[in-house]
Protein backbone atom coordinates (compact mmCIF):
# COMPACT_ATOMS: atom_id res chain seq x y z
CA MET A 1 -6.33 -16.92 -0.29
CA ALA A 2 -8.54 -13.88 -0.75
CA ASN A 3 -6.91 -10.56 0.04
CA ALA A 4 -10.05 -9.38 1.86
CA VAL A 5 -8.68 -9.96 5.35
CA ARG A 6 -9.00 -6.71 7.24
CA VAL A 7 -6.43 -6.10 9.98
CA ILE A 8 -6.88 -3.22 12.40
CA PRO A 9 -4.04 -2.52 14.85
CA ILE A 10 -5.36 -1.39 18.25
CA GLU A 11 -2.96 0.36 20.59
CA CYS A 12 -3.80 -0.48 24.20
CA LYS A 13 -2.25 2.13 26.48
CA PHE A 14 -1.47 1.68 30.16
CA GLY A 15 0.89 3.80 32.16
CA PRO A 16 3.93 4.87 30.12
CA ILE A 17 3.74 1.90 27.73
CA SER A 18 1.33 0.28 25.32
CA ALA A 19 0.68 -3.07 23.67
CA PHE A 20 -0.97 -3.85 20.36
CA ALA A 21 -4.03 -5.98 19.83
CA TYR A 22 -5.06 -6.87 16.27
CA TYR A 23 -8.58 -7.21 14.90
CA LEU A 24 -8.99 -9.61 11.98
CA GLY A 25 -12.14 -9.23 9.92
CA GLY A 26 -13.90 -12.05 8.14
CA PRO A 27 -16.90 -14.35 8.53
CA GLU A 28 -15.85 -15.03 12.14
CA PRO A 29 -14.02 -11.89 13.33
CA ALA A 30 -11.12 -12.37 15.73
CA ILE A 31 -8.95 -10.31 17.99
CA ILE A 32 -5.36 -11.30 18.65
CA ASP A 33 -4.34 -10.31 22.19
CA THR A 34 -6.32 -7.96 24.41
CA GLY A 35 -4.11 -5.58 26.35
CA VAL A 36 -4.84 -5.24 30.08
CA ASN A 37 -8.13 -5.36 31.97
CA ALA A 38 -9.10 -1.77 31.17
CA SER A 39 -8.17 -2.03 27.47
CA ALA A 40 -11.51 -3.46 26.31
CA ARG A 41 -13.36 -0.36 27.47
CA LYS A 42 -10.69 2.29 26.92
CA ASP A 43 -9.05 1.20 23.67
CA ILE A 44 -10.47 -1.86 21.93
CA GLU A 45 -14.18 -1.01 21.86
CA PRO A 46 -13.69 2.67 20.87
CA THR A 47 -11.15 1.87 18.15
CA LEU A 48 -13.40 -0.76 16.61
CA ALA A 49 -16.36 1.63 16.76
CA GLU A 50 -14.35 4.19 14.75
CA HIS A 51 -14.19 1.55 12.00
CA GLY A 52 -17.89 0.70 12.24
CA ILE A 53 -17.27 -2.59 14.06
CA ARG A 54 -19.04 -3.80 17.19
CA ILE A 55 -16.95 -5.52 19.83
CA GLU A 56 -19.95 -7.78 20.45
CA ASP A 57 -19.42 -9.36 17.04
CA ILE A 58 -15.96 -10.75 17.82
CA ARG A 59 -16.10 -14.54 17.63
CA TRP A 60 -12.50 -15.48 18.49
CA ILE A 61 -10.13 -14.19 21.15
CA LEU A 62 -6.67 -15.48 20.25
CA LEU A 63 -3.87 -15.05 22.78
CA THR A 64 -0.26 -15.30 21.67
CA HIS A 65 0.95 -15.82 25.25
CA GLY A 66 -0.07 -15.38 28.85
CA HIS A 67 1.62 -12.16 29.95
CA VAL A 68 -0.66 -9.63 31.58
CA ASP A 69 -0.34 -6.96 28.87
CA HIS A 70 -1.69 -9.41 26.27
CA LEU A 71 -4.03 -11.62 28.30
CA GLY A 72 -5.26 -9.16 30.93
CA GLY A 73 -8.17 -7.82 28.88
CA ALA A 74 -9.43 -11.19 27.63
CA TYR A 75 -12.14 -11.54 30.26
CA GLU A 76 -13.63 -8.11 29.56
CA VAL A 77 -13.63 -8.65 25.80
CA TRP A 78 -15.20 -12.07 26.33
CA GLU A 79 -17.87 -10.50 28.56
CA LYS A 80 -18.66 -7.88 25.93
CA THR A 81 -19.31 -10.65 23.39
CA GLY A 82 -21.89 -12.14 25.75
CA ARG A 83 -19.34 -14.85 26.56
CA GLN A 84 -19.84 -16.15 23.03
CA ALA A 85 -16.31 -15.61 21.71
CA LYS A 86 -14.05 -18.66 21.68
CA VAL A 87 -10.94 -18.00 23.76
CA VAL A 88 -7.73 -19.63 22.53
CA ILE A 89 -4.36 -19.74 24.29
CA PRO A 90 -1.14 -21.75 23.94
CA LYS A 91 -1.44 -25.02 25.84
CA LYS A 92 1.73 -24.34 27.85
CA GLU A 93 0.26 -21.14 29.26
CA ALA A 94 -3.41 -22.05 29.68
CA ARG A 95 -2.97 -22.05 33.47
CA LEU A 96 -2.46 -18.27 33.28
CA LEU A 97 -5.93 -17.88 31.77
CA ARG A 98 -7.63 -20.24 34.19
CA ASP A 99 -6.16 -18.76 37.37
CA LYS A 100 -4.77 -15.23 37.71
CA ASN A 101 -2.84 -16.32 40.81
CA GLU A 102 -0.50 -18.23 38.48
CA HIS A 103 0.83 -14.85 37.35
CA ILE A 104 1.99 -14.21 40.90
CA VAL A 105 3.76 -17.58 40.93
CA ASP A 106 5.65 -16.65 37.76
CA TYR A 107 6.48 -13.18 39.06
CA LYS A 108 8.01 -14.60 42.22
CA THR A 109 10.25 -16.98 40.25
CA LEU A 110 11.43 -14.32 37.79
CA GLN A 111 11.54 -10.56 38.42
CA GLY A 112 10.21 -10.76 41.97
CA LYS A 113 12.95 -13.16 42.95
CA TYR A 114 15.51 -10.38 42.58
CA ILE A 115 13.43 -7.64 44.21
CA LYS A 116 14.49 -7.54 47.85
CA ASP A 117 12.00 -4.94 49.10
CA PRO A 118 8.73 -6.65 50.21
CA ALA A 119 6.81 -3.40 49.71
CA ILE A 120 7.83 -3.24 46.05
CA GLN A 121 6.93 -6.90 45.59
CA GLU A 122 3.49 -6.28 47.08
CA LYS A 123 2.99 -3.26 44.83
CA HIS A 124 3.85 -5.33 41.77
CA ILE A 125 1.50 -8.14 42.78
CA THR A 126 -1.34 -5.64 43.25
CA MET A 127 -0.67 -4.22 39.79
CA LEU A 128 -0.71 -7.69 38.26
CA THR A 129 -4.00 -8.72 39.82
CA THR A 130 -5.61 -5.36 38.95
CA ASP A 131 -4.58 -5.55 35.29
CA ILE A 132 -6.00 -9.05 34.79
CA GLY A 133 -9.75 -9.64 34.49
CA GLY A 134 -11.53 -12.74 35.70
CA ASN A 135 -10.52 -16.34 35.11
CA ILE A 136 -11.61 -18.07 31.89
CA GLU A 137 -11.74 -21.70 30.87
CA PRO A 138 -10.21 -21.71 27.35
CA TYR A 139 -12.22 -23.01 24.43
CA LEU A 140 -9.03 -24.34 22.85
CA GLU A 141 -5.42 -24.85 23.95
CA VAL A 142 -3.22 -24.76 20.86
CA VAL A 143 0.12 -26.36 20.04
CA ASP A 144 2.47 -26.18 17.09
CA GLY A 145 0.79 -27.16 13.82
CA ASP A 146 -2.78 -26.40 14.89
CA SER A 147 -5.04 -24.25 12.72
CA ILE A 148 -7.79 -21.76 13.56
CA HIS A 149 -10.51 -21.36 10.92
CA LEU A 150 -12.15 -17.92 10.89
CA GLY A 151 -14.68 -18.85 8.22
CA GLY A 152 -14.36 -18.91 4.46
CA ASP A 153 -10.75 -19.45 3.44
CA ILE A 154 -9.28 -17.49 6.36
CA ILE A 155 -7.02 -19.83 8.32
CA LEU A 156 -4.43 -19.04 10.97
CA LYS A 157 -1.66 -21.56 11.49
CA VAL A 158 -0.11 -21.91 14.93
CA ILE A 159 3.68 -21.74 15.12
CA GLU A 160 5.28 -22.25 18.53
CA THR A 161 7.81 -19.45 19.15
CA PRO A 162 8.78 -19.72 22.83
CA GLY A 163 11.53 -17.79 24.55
CA HIS A 164 9.98 -14.46 25.45
CA SER A 165 7.65 -16.67 27.45
CA ILE A 166 7.71 -20.43 27.73
CA GLY A 167 4.60 -20.98 25.64
CA SER A 168 4.49 -18.08 23.16
CA VAL A 169 3.00 -18.79 19.74
CA THR A 170 2.83 -16.90 16.46
CA PHE A 171 -0.37 -16.94 14.41
CA VAL A 172 0.40 -17.02 10.66
CA LEU A 173 -2.29 -16.09 8.15
CA ASP A 174 -2.28 -18.92 5.64
CA GLY A 175 -1.76 -17.92 2.03
CA LEU A 176 -0.62 -14.40 2.87
CA ASP A 177 2.23 -15.28 5.27
CA TRP A 178 1.35 -12.50 7.67
CA ALA A 179 2.73 -13.34 11.11
CA PHE A 180 1.23 -12.10 14.37
CA ALA A 181 4.23 -12.73 16.59
CA ALA A 182 3.50 -10.32 19.49
CA ASP A 183 6.57 -10.39 21.76
CA ALA A 184 8.35 -13.43 20.30
CA ILE A 185 10.62 -10.94 18.51
CA GLN A 186 12.12 -8.16 20.60
CA MET A 187 14.95 -6.57 18.61
CA TYR A 188 16.90 -4.41 21.08
CA GLY A 189 14.06 -4.24 23.56
CA GLY A 190 11.25 -1.90 24.43
CA ALA A 191 11.27 1.34 26.38
CA SER A 192 13.65 -0.10 28.99
CA GLY A 193 16.31 -0.88 26.40
CA LEU A 194 16.44 -4.67 26.86
CA PRO A 195 14.45 -7.51 25.32
CA THR A 196 12.38 -9.51 27.80
CA ILE A 197 13.49 -13.13 27.49
CA GLU A 198 12.52 -15.96 29.84
CA ASP A 199 14.49 -18.66 28.01
CA SER A 200 17.32 -17.38 25.83
CA SER A 201 18.02 -20.68 24.06
CA LEU A 202 14.38 -21.08 23.01
CA TYR A 203 14.16 -17.41 22.03
CA ARG A 204 17.12 -17.80 19.68
CA LYS A 205 15.63 -20.91 18.05
CA SER A 206 12.25 -19.20 17.61
CA VAL A 207 13.65 -16.10 15.94
CA ARG A 208 15.80 -18.28 13.69
CA ARG A 209 12.75 -20.39 12.78
CA LEU A 210 10.79 -17.29 11.80
CA LEU A 211 13.70 -15.98 9.74
CA ASP A 212 14.64 -19.21 7.96
CA GLU A 213 11.46 -21.27 7.85
CA VAL A 214 8.35 -19.10 8.19
CA ARG A 215 9.74 -16.04 6.37
CA PRO A 216 6.75 -13.74 6.92
CA LYS A 217 5.84 -11.10 4.37
CA ARG A 218 4.28 -8.96 7.09
CA LEU A 219 5.05 -8.95 10.78
CA PHE A 220 2.74 -7.70 13.52
CA LEU A 221 4.43 -7.22 16.90
CA GLY A 222 3.06 -6.65 20.37
CA HIS A 223 4.97 -3.42 21.00
CA PRO A 224 7.25 -0.98 19.24
CA PHE A 225 10.79 -2.18 19.89
CA ARG A 226 14.16 -0.45 19.54
CA GLY A 227 16.48 -0.94 16.60
CA SER A 228 20.26 -1.15 16.86
CA ASN A 229 20.49 2.67 16.84
CA GLY A 230 18.16 2.93 19.83
CA ASP A 231 15.23 4.38 17.89
CA MET A 232 11.78 2.89 18.42
CA GLN A 233 10.58 0.96 15.36
CA SER A 234 7.03 0.42 14.17
CA ALA A 235 5.17 -2.61 15.52
CA GLN A 236 3.84 -3.34 12.03
CA LEU A 237 6.46 -4.25 9.43
CA GLU A 238 6.60 -5.61 5.91
CA GLY A 239 8.91 -6.50 3.08
CA ALA A 240 12.63 -6.18 3.73
CA GLN A 241 11.91 -4.73 7.19
CA VAL A 242 10.85 -8.17 8.41
CA ALA A 243 14.17 -9.95 7.82
CA SER A 244 16.01 -6.90 9.17
CA VAL A 245 14.06 -6.97 12.43
CA LEU A 246 14.56 -10.71 12.86
CA GLN A 247 18.30 -10.39 12.26
CA ALA A 248 18.51 -7.48 14.70
CA SER A 249 16.89 -9.70 17.32
CA LEU A 250 19.53 -12.37 16.74
CA ASP A 251 22.31 -9.76 16.87
CA ARG A 252 21.14 -8.44 20.24
CA ASP A 253 20.79 -11.97 21.56
CA ALA A 254 24.39 -12.74 20.56
CA GLN A 255 25.63 -9.58 22.27
CA LEU A 256 23.84 -10.33 25.53
CA ARG A 257 24.98 -13.94 25.54
CA ASP A 258 28.59 -12.92 24.96
CA VAL A 259 28.51 -10.33 27.75
CA MET A 260 27.03 -12.80 30.20
CA GLN A 261 29.56 -15.47 29.21
CA HIS A 262 32.41 -13.02 29.76
CA HIS A 263 31.23 -12.13 33.25
CA LEU A 264 30.48 -15.71 34.22
CA THR A 265 33.97 -16.72 33.11
CA ASN A 266 35.44 -14.06 35.37
CA GLY A 267 32.96 -14.81 38.14
CA LEU A 268 29.94 -12.71 39.11
CA PRO A 269 30.86 -10.44 42.02
CA ALA A 270 29.93 -11.41 45.56
CA GLU A 271 28.99 -7.83 46.38
CA GLU A 272 25.65 -6.65 45.05
CA HIS A 273 24.86 -3.46 43.18
CA GLU A 274 22.15 -1.37 44.82
CA LEU A 275 19.80 -1.78 41.84
CA TYR A 276 21.22 -4.59 39.70
CA GLY A 277 22.39 -7.09 42.30
CA THR A 278 25.16 -9.38 41.07
CA PHE A 279 24.47 -8.20 37.51
CA GLY A 280 25.79 -4.67 38.17
CA TRP A 281 28.92 -5.10 36.04
CA ILE A 282 26.82 -6.39 33.16
CA ALA A 283 24.50 -3.40 33.34
CA ALA A 284 27.54 -1.11 33.18
CA GLU A 285 29.02 -2.92 30.18
CA ILE A 286 25.84 -2.82 28.09
CA GLY A 287 25.03 0.73 29.19
CA TYR A 288 21.79 -0.23 30.89
CA THR A 289 20.43 2.50 33.19
CA GLY A 290 16.81 1.42 33.69
CA ASP A 291 15.19 0.88 37.06
CA PRO A 292 14.57 -2.87 37.55
CA ARG A 293 12.14 -2.08 40.36
CA ASN A 294 9.57 -1.00 37.77
CA LEU A 295 6.90 -3.33 36.44
CA PRO A 296 7.26 -4.55 33.81
CA CYS A 297 11.05 -4.54 33.59
CA ALA A 298 13.15 -6.83 31.44
CA PHE A 299 16.45 -6.63 33.29
CA PHE A 300 16.29 -9.37 35.92
CA VAL A 301 14.15 -11.69 33.79
CA THR A 302 16.59 -11.53 30.87
CA MET A 303 19.76 -11.69 32.96
CA HIS A 304 18.35 -14.73 34.74
CA ALA A 305 17.64 -16.42 31.40
CA TYR A 306 21.16 -16.02 30.05
CA LYS A 307 22.73 -17.07 33.34
CA GLU A 308 20.58 -20.20 33.42
CA GLU A 309 21.43 -21.05 29.83
CA LEU A 310 25.15 -20.66 30.31
CA ILE A 311 25.71 -22.25 33.70
CA GLY A 312 22.44 -24.02 34.46
CA THR A 313 22.58 -23.07 38.12
CA ASP A 314 20.76 -20.58 40.24
CA ASN A 315 22.62 -17.99 42.27
CA LYS A 316 20.84 -17.43 45.55
């Protein structure tokens, strides 16, 4: 395909963290992911203006998954296009676009389930609902194998890469093999030092599929993630960096699975750690010192995923 596809990374900042959205130029310009509710005004529109691009001209809003830091700004971007942009989301997560209350449901079954303080739960729920704009009926719900045509010969293929979330997809630019994977690949995790994984078995399969089958030449991630040495890596990678990042993600997955298996074999303790609950010994072994009462925080979500994979039961 023509090499005229223009990609502009847009860093959407909120609190101490940030997430990347990506503008794709062409006959029908698109944006992949949208940050949180305030990102359209604070980050996306100004960054595009610096490049001589009007946010009003975006014709596609493509969401890799339904987490608030990627979907939260969709409504505001859509509004700024005069509600003309076509909003696309993975079929398995379309409910999160239609009804922001579904985010609360997910929170309560994952991180919130392990947060015992009702005041902290309420704070998190308020943050979630604030960071998500209005509800949207998607133009298209995509599944594996679908294609999005952005005009001319610019085509994005949809590759299902679940694990970080149940419905995550990667958009692959046909002919160039550039993969917009967002959070489907986490290496050694973000600022907290752990990858966020909702289903560890699916995550492993998705990373392996990208490494062995898709083999991207460029990789565009949703956040900077840590390498094996703890240093934050760029969210935009190419060449040999791509395979290295994918392998690092598999290495960290293997480590976490082994640690969880070891502790499950010996039995998770009945007594609970003040911060980490029954996963206190695991936190100590992997050197995790983050505060799982923060939002977002990977710890409980990821520990829950590995426990479910390995024993298929749910400690109450």
